[in-house]
């Protein structure tokens, strides 16, 4: 179990591992392009080698990519739908060049087409993105908080996606965001609640699909369906919640990535490392 944060690629992709090291990351997440569209950071074999050399020099254990925010496989707008399919494939190929373990993406919203038609278009779109893909970066779908018909706010729905007959062969995994899950109605504020939530995840999806987690406290109440991140211990989940989740042995090899504001991200990392150290000490 390693801890890290989302870091900037300002000045070029090879700067990401340097930025990660500066704040104490063991793993890190980044965008490889502007998250809102437009300019795309250049990438060739020379840049990829420099990036991976910097990761090795700074002893980063793993790095992952966050897809742009505009992805919406269920959009009624053909430009957005086809753009989503194309960009996910591009990001998987870029991730493979960079040695990234995962590309995680938000899935979009059913607001245009409704759940039935939107789900079919979603599955078909993901399948098209992955058709013929031979790279090493694995696609992960991220749990949503559930606002505005956002796709993927229940374990049942995520399970229906990753286990769908059209997608099963592509080994699509899940990125569990602690704040999104909490806002969607999945509790882990006590060891008992954490166990129940992971049991449910295992039943509806399969814990083998729980590949990584975004680690964020919540500014909003349990079950609010509102996506608002807070610093670890400052929000509605609280320190005991993170202790309950991080000490469940079923997540021992899962890495956690912070998406909290820069002002206290170093402190957030230190808190997570202390929880891990205490758990390891008590297990001896």
Protein backbone atom coordinates (compact mmCIF):
# COMPACT_ATOMS: atom_id res chain seq x y z
CA UNK A 1 0.00 0.00 0.00
CA UNK A 2 1.57 3.25 -1.22
CA UNK A 3 0.36 6.85 -1.01
CA UNK A 4 0.59 9.75 -3.41
CA UNK A 5 -1.25 12.69 -4.94
CA UNK A 6 -2.31 14.24 -8.22
CA UNK A 7 0.59 16.36 -9.50
CA UNK A 8 1.16 18.94 -12.23
CA UNK A 9 2.91 18.34 -15.57
CA UNK A 10 3.68 22.07 -15.97
CA UNK A 11 6.83 22.48 -18.05
CA UNK A 12 6.52 18.99 -19.55
CA UNK A 13 5.53 15.43 -18.69
CA UNK A 14 8.98 14.53 -17.26
CA UNK A 15 8.38 17.09 -14.50
CA UNK A 16 5.52 15.07 -12.98
CA UNK A 17 7.71 12.59 -11.03
CA UNK A 18 9.89 15.49 -9.84
CA UNK A 19 6.80 17.29 -8.55
CA UNK A 20 5.61 14.08 -6.90
CA UNK A 21 8.92 13.61 -5.10
CA UNK A 22 8.90 17.19 -3.78
CA UNK A 23 5.74 16.56 -1.72
CA UNK A 24 6.62 13.08 -0.51
CA UNK A 25 4.67 10.89 -2.96
CA UNK A 26 5.44 7.19 -3.30
CA UNK A 27 3.03 6.95 -6.26
CA UNK A 28 1.35 9.71 -8.27
CA UNK A 29 -1.43 10.65 -10.66
CA UNK A 30 -1.38 13.19 -13.49
CA UNK A 31 -3.16 14.39 -16.60
CA UNK A 32 -1.12 13.93 -19.78
CA UNK A 33 -3.08 16.75 -21.48
CA UNK A 34 -5.29 19.66 -20.49
CA UNK A 35 -8.25 18.14 -18.61
CA UNK A 36 -10.70 20.50 -20.30
CA UNK A 37 -9.62 19.92 -23.89
CA UNK A 38 -7.49 21.85 -26.35
CA UNK A 39 -3.70 21.64 -26.15
CA UNK A 40 -2.14 18.18 -25.83
CA UNK A 41 1.29 17.78 -24.23
CA UNK A 42 3.72 16.35 -26.83
CA UNK A 43 4.92 12.79 -26.29
CA UNK A 44 7.57 10.80 -28.14
CA UNK A 45 10.06 8.08 -27.19
CA UNK A 46 12.63 10.62 -25.96
CA UNK A 47 10.12 12.33 -23.64
CA UNK A 48 8.80 8.96 -22.46
CA UNK A 49 12.34 7.77 -21.60
CA UNK A 50 13.09 10.97 -19.69
CA UNK A 51 9.80 10.61 -17.81
CA UNK A 52 10.47 6.98 -16.83
CA UNK A 53 14.08 7.76 -15.89
CA UNK A 54 12.83 10.50 -13.55
CA UNK A 55 10.30 8.08 -12.02
CA UNK A 56 13.09 5.61 -11.34
CA UNK A 57 15.44 8.26 -9.96
CA UNK A 58 12.75 9.55 -7.58
CA UNK A 59 11.79 6.01 -6.54
CA UNK A 60 8.16 6.29 -7.59
CA UNK A 61 6.49 2.88 -7.24
CA UNK A 62 3.59 3.46 -9.63
CA UNK A 63 2.02 6.23 -11.70
CA UNK A 64 -1.45 6.57 -13.14
CA UNK A 65 -3.28 8.87 -15.55
CA UNK A 66 -6.56 10.69 -15.07
CA UNK A 67 -8.59 11.09 -18.27
CA UNK A 68 -9.88 14.57 -19.23
CA UNK A 69 -13.10 15.80 -17.60
CA UNK A 70 -15.09 16.05 -20.84
CA UNK A 71 -15.41 12.28 -21.32
CA UNK A 72 -19.08 11.29 -21.72
CA UNK A 73 -19.72 8.01 -23.50
CA UNK A 74 -23.49 8.51 -23.13
CA UNK A 75 -23.70 11.94 -24.74
CA UNK A 76 -26.31 12.55 -27.45
CA UNK A 77 -23.79 14.87 -29.13
CA UNK A 78 -21.88 12.75 -31.70
CA UNK A 79 -18.79 14.96 -31.36
CA UNK A 80 -18.59 14.36 -27.59
CA UNK A 81 -19.37 10.65 -27.90
CA UNK A 82 -16.78 9.97 -30.61
CA UNK A 83 -14.29 12.34 -28.96
CA UNK A 84 -14.61 10.37 -25.72
CA UNK A 85 -13.94 7.07 -27.50
CA UNK A 86 -10.95 8.53 -29.38
CA UNK A 87 -9.36 10.30 -26.39
CA UNK A 88 -9.63 7.27 -24.09
CA UNK A 89 -7.82 5.18 -26.70
CA UNK A 90 -5.18 7.88 -27.17
CA UNK A 91 -4.65 8.15 -23.42
CA UNK A 92 -4.29 4.36 -23.10
CA UNK A 93 -1.61 4.41 -25.81
CA UNK A 94 0.15 7.38 -24.19
CA UNK A 95 -0.07 5.64 -20.83
CA UNK A 96 1.59 2.56 -22.29
CA UNK A 97 4.46 4.70 -23.61
CA UNK A 98 4.89 6.25 -20.16
CA UNK A 99 4.63 2.96 -18.26
CA UNK A 100 1.47 4.06 -16.42
CA UNK A 101 -0.36 1.29 -14.57
CA UNK A 102 -3.85 2.72 -15.05
CA UNK A 103 -5.96 5.26 -16.90
CA UNK A 104 -9.03 6.14 -14.85
CA UNK A 105 -12.00 7.99 -16.25
CA UNK A 106 -15.31 9.48 -15.20
CA UNK A 107 -18.02 7.99 -17.38
CA UNK A 108 -20.29 10.99 -17.96
CA UNK A 109 -24.03 11.31 -17.49
CA UNK A 110 -27.29 9.73 -18.63
CA UNK A 111 -29.03 13.12 -18.77
CA UNK A 112 -29.18 13.13 -22.61
CA UNK A 113 -30.35 9.61 -23.38
CA UNK A 114 -31.72 8.19 -20.13
CA UNK A 115 -30.36 5.12 -18.30
CA UNK A 116 -31.38 2.35 -20.72
CA UNK A 117 -30.19 3.85 -24.00
CA UNK A 118 -27.32 5.64 -22.27
CA UNK A 119 -26.01 2.41 -20.73
CA UNK A 120 -25.97 0.62 -24.09
CA UNK A 121 -24.10 3.52 -25.70
CA UNK A 122 -21.69 3.59 -22.75
CA UNK A 123 -20.80 -0.10 -23.06
CA UNK A 124 -20.48 0.11 -26.85
CA UNK A 125 -18.26 3.20 -26.53
CA UNK A 126 -15.89 1.63 -24.00
CA UNK A 127 -15.69 -1.52 -26.14
CA UNK A 128 -14.83 0.60 -29.19
CA UNK A 129 -12.10 2.40 -27.23
CA UNK A 130 -10.54 -0.93 -26.28
CA UNK A 131 -11.00 -2.86 -29.54
CA UNK A 132 -7.61 -4.13 -30.70
CA UNK A 133 -5.79 -2.43 -27.82
CA UNK A 134 -2.57 -4.30 -26.95
CA UNK A 135 -1.02 -1.87 -24.47
CA UNK A 136 -0.10 -2.32 -20.81
CA UNK A 137 -2.09 0.53 -19.21
CA UNK A 138 -5.38 -0.76 -17.76
CA UNK A 139 -8.62 1.20 -18.05
CA UNK A 140 -10.42 1.93 -14.78
CA UNK A 141 -13.92 3.36 -14.39
CA UNK A 142 -14.35 5.69 -11.41
CA UNK A 143 -17.25 5.63 -8.97
CA UNK A 144 -19.26 8.88 -9.09
CA UNK A 145 -21.01 10.79 -6.32
CA UNK A 146 -24.23 10.48 -8.32
CA UNK A 147 -25.21 14.12 -8.99
CA UNK A 148 -27.05 15.08 -12.21
CA UNK A 149 -27.56 11.53 -13.51
CA UNK A 150 -23.81 10.84 -13.28
CA UNK A 151 -22.98 7.29 -14.32
CA UNK A 152 -21.46 4.80 -11.89
CA UNK A 153 -22.64 5.85 -8.43
CA UNK A 154 -23.67 2.35 -7.35
CA UNK A 155 -21.68 -0.86 -7.02
CA UNK A 156 -24.41 -2.64 -8.94
CA UNK A 157 -24.00 -0.34 -11.95
CA UNK A 158 -20.18 -0.53 -11.87
CA UNK A 159 -20.46 -4.31 -11.66
CA UNK A 160 -22.80 -4.32 -14.66
CA UNK A 161 -20.18 -2.37 -16.61
CA UNK A 162 -16.97 -4.28 -15.79
CA UNK A 163 -18.68 -7.68 -15.94
CA UNK A 164 -20.65 -6.95 -19.12
CA UNK A 165 -20.26 -9.60 -21.82
CA UNK A 166 -18.88 -6.98 -24.25
CA UNK A 167 -16.29 -5.72 -21.76
CA UNK A 168 -15.29 -8.70 -19.62
CA UNK A 169 -12.46 -9.70 -21.96
CA UNK A 170 -10.91 -6.23 -21.69
CA UNK A 171 -10.34 -6.48 -17.91
CA UNK A 172 -11.73 -3.04 -17.05
CA UNK A 173 -11.13 -2.23 -13.37
CA UNK A 174 -12.55 0.21 -10.82
CA UNK A 175 -11.08 3.32 -9.20
CA UNK A 176 -12.80 3.86 -5.86
CA UNK A 177 -12.92 7.51 -4.78
CA UNK A 178 -13.53 7.66 -1.02
CA UNK A 179 -15.42 10.97 -1.21
CA UNK A 180 -17.55 9.93 -4.17
CA UNK A 181 -18.39 6.61 -2.53
CA UNK A 182 -19.29 8.31 0.76
CA UNK A 183 -21.49 10.87 -1.04
CA UNK A 184 -23.10 8.02 -3.00
CA UNK A 185 -24.09 6.28 0.24
CA UNK A 186 -21.27 3.84 1.00
CA UNK A 187 -20.10 4.19 4.59
CA UNK A 188 -16.72 3.28 6.08
CA UNK A 189 -16.55 5.53 9.15
CA UNK A 190 -16.18 2.50 11.45
CA UNK A 191 -14.47 -0.88 10.95
CA UNK A 192 -17.90 -2.54 10.84
CA UNK A 193 -19.13 -0.11 8.16
CA UNK A 194 -15.91 -0.47 6.16
CA UNK A 195 -16.23 -4.27 6.22
CA UNK A 196 -19.87 -4.07 5.09
CA UNK A 197 -18.98 -1.70 2.23
CA UNK A 198 -16.11 -3.88 0.99
CA UNK A 199 -18.28 -7.00 1.33
CA UNK A 200 -20.89 -5.30 -0.85
CA UNK A 201 -18.22 -4.23 -3.36
CA UNK A 202 -17.03 -7.83 -3.53
CA UNK A 203 -20.56 -9.15 -4.04
CA UNK A 204 -21.66 -6.62 -6.68
CA UNK A 205 -18.37 -6.10 -8.56
CA UNK A 206 -15.58 -8.34 -7.21
CA UNK A 207 -12.70 -7.06 -5.07
CA UNK A 208 -10.26 -8.21 -7.75
CA UNK A 209 -11.50 -5.19 -9.74
CA UNK A 210 -10.65 -2.73 -6.90
CA UNK A 211 -7.38 -1.56 -8.47
CA UNK A 212 -6.72 1.82 -6.81
CA UNK A 213 -8.41 4.51 -4.76
CA UNK A 214 -8.65 8.26 -4.78
CA UNK A 215 -8.26 9.25 -1.15
CA UNK A 216 -10.32 12.30 -0.22
CA UNK A 217 -12.35 13.37 2.80
CA UNK A 218 -15.79 14.86 2.14
CA UNK A 219 -17.06 18.41 2.59
CA UNK A 220 -20.60 17.09 2.11
CA UNK A 221 -22.78 14.81 4.22
CA UNK A 222 -23.10 11.05 3.85
CA UNK A 223 -25.38 10.23 0.92
CA UNK A 224 -25.41 13.85 -0.34
CA UNK A 225 -24.55 12.89 -3.96
CA UNK A 226 -22.39 16.03 -4.08
CA UNK A 227 -18.74 15.84 -5.20
CA UNK A 228 -16.69 18.05 -2.81
CA UNK A 229 -13.27 16.91 -1.61
CA UNK A 230 -11.77 17.85 1.76
CA UNK A 231 -8.43 17.27 3.51
CA UNK A 232 -7.96 14.01 5.38
CA UNK A 233 -9.59 14.29 8.81
CA UNK A 234 -11.16 17.69 8.10
CA UNK A 235 -14.36 16.42 6.51
CA UNK A 236 -17.42 14.32 7.23
CA UNK A 237 -15.58 10.99 6.89
CA UNK A 238 -12.95 11.83 9.52
CA UNK A 239 -9.73 10.14 10.60
CA UNK A 240 -11.46 7.07 12.01
CA UNK A 241 -13.01 6.41 8.61
CA UNK A 242 -9.65 6.35 6.88
CA UNK A 243 -8.17 4.20 9.62
CA UNK A 244 -11.06 1.75 9.16
CA UNK A 245 -10.59 1.55 5.39
CA UNK A 246 -6.79 1.54 5.23
CA UNK A 247 -6.44 -1.20 7.82
CA UNK A 248 -8.74 -3.67 6.05
CA UNK A 249 -6.32 -6.41 4.94
CA UNK A 250 -8.19 -6.91 1.67
CA UNK A 251 -6.82 -3.55 0.49
CA UNK A 252 -3.22 -4.24 1.55
CA UNK A 253 -1.90 -3.96 -2.03
CA UNK A 254 -4.12 -1.07 -3.16
CA UNK A 255 -2.50 2.35 -3.65
CA UNK A 256 -4.22 5.57 -2.55
CA UNK A 257 -3.97 8.88 -4.44
CA UNK A 258 -4.94 12.20 -2.87
CA UNK A 259 -6.89 14.78 -4.87
CA UNK A 260 -6.93 17.42 -2.14
CA UNK A 261 -5.91 21.08 -2.42
CA UNK A 262 -2.19 21.92 -2.52
CA UNK A 263 -2.27 23.93 0.72
CA UNK A 264 -2.32 20.82 2.94
CA UNK A 265 -1.56 17.91 0.63
CA UNK A 266 1.83 17.27 2.30
CA UNK A 267 0.07 17.04 5.66
CA UNK A 268 -2.53 14.70 4.14
CA UNK A 269 0.24 12.39 2.92
CA UNK A 270 1.87 12.37 6.35
CA UNK A 271 -1.44 11.42 8.00
CA UNK A 272 -1.89 8.47 5.63
CA UNK A 273 1.67 7.27 6.20
CA UNK A 274 1.17 7.44 9.99
CA UNK A 275 -2.00 5.31 9.73
CA UNK A 276 -0.06 2.74 7.69
CA UNK A 277 2.91 2.74 10.07
CA UNK A 278 0.68 2.23 13.11
CA UNK A 279 -1.19 -0.61 11.39
CA UNK A 280 2.07 -2.31 10.42
CA UNK A 281 3.45 -1.89 13.94
CA UNK A 282 0.37 -3.42 15.58
CA UNK A 283 0.44 -6.35 13.13
CA UNK A 284 3.95 -7.38 14.19
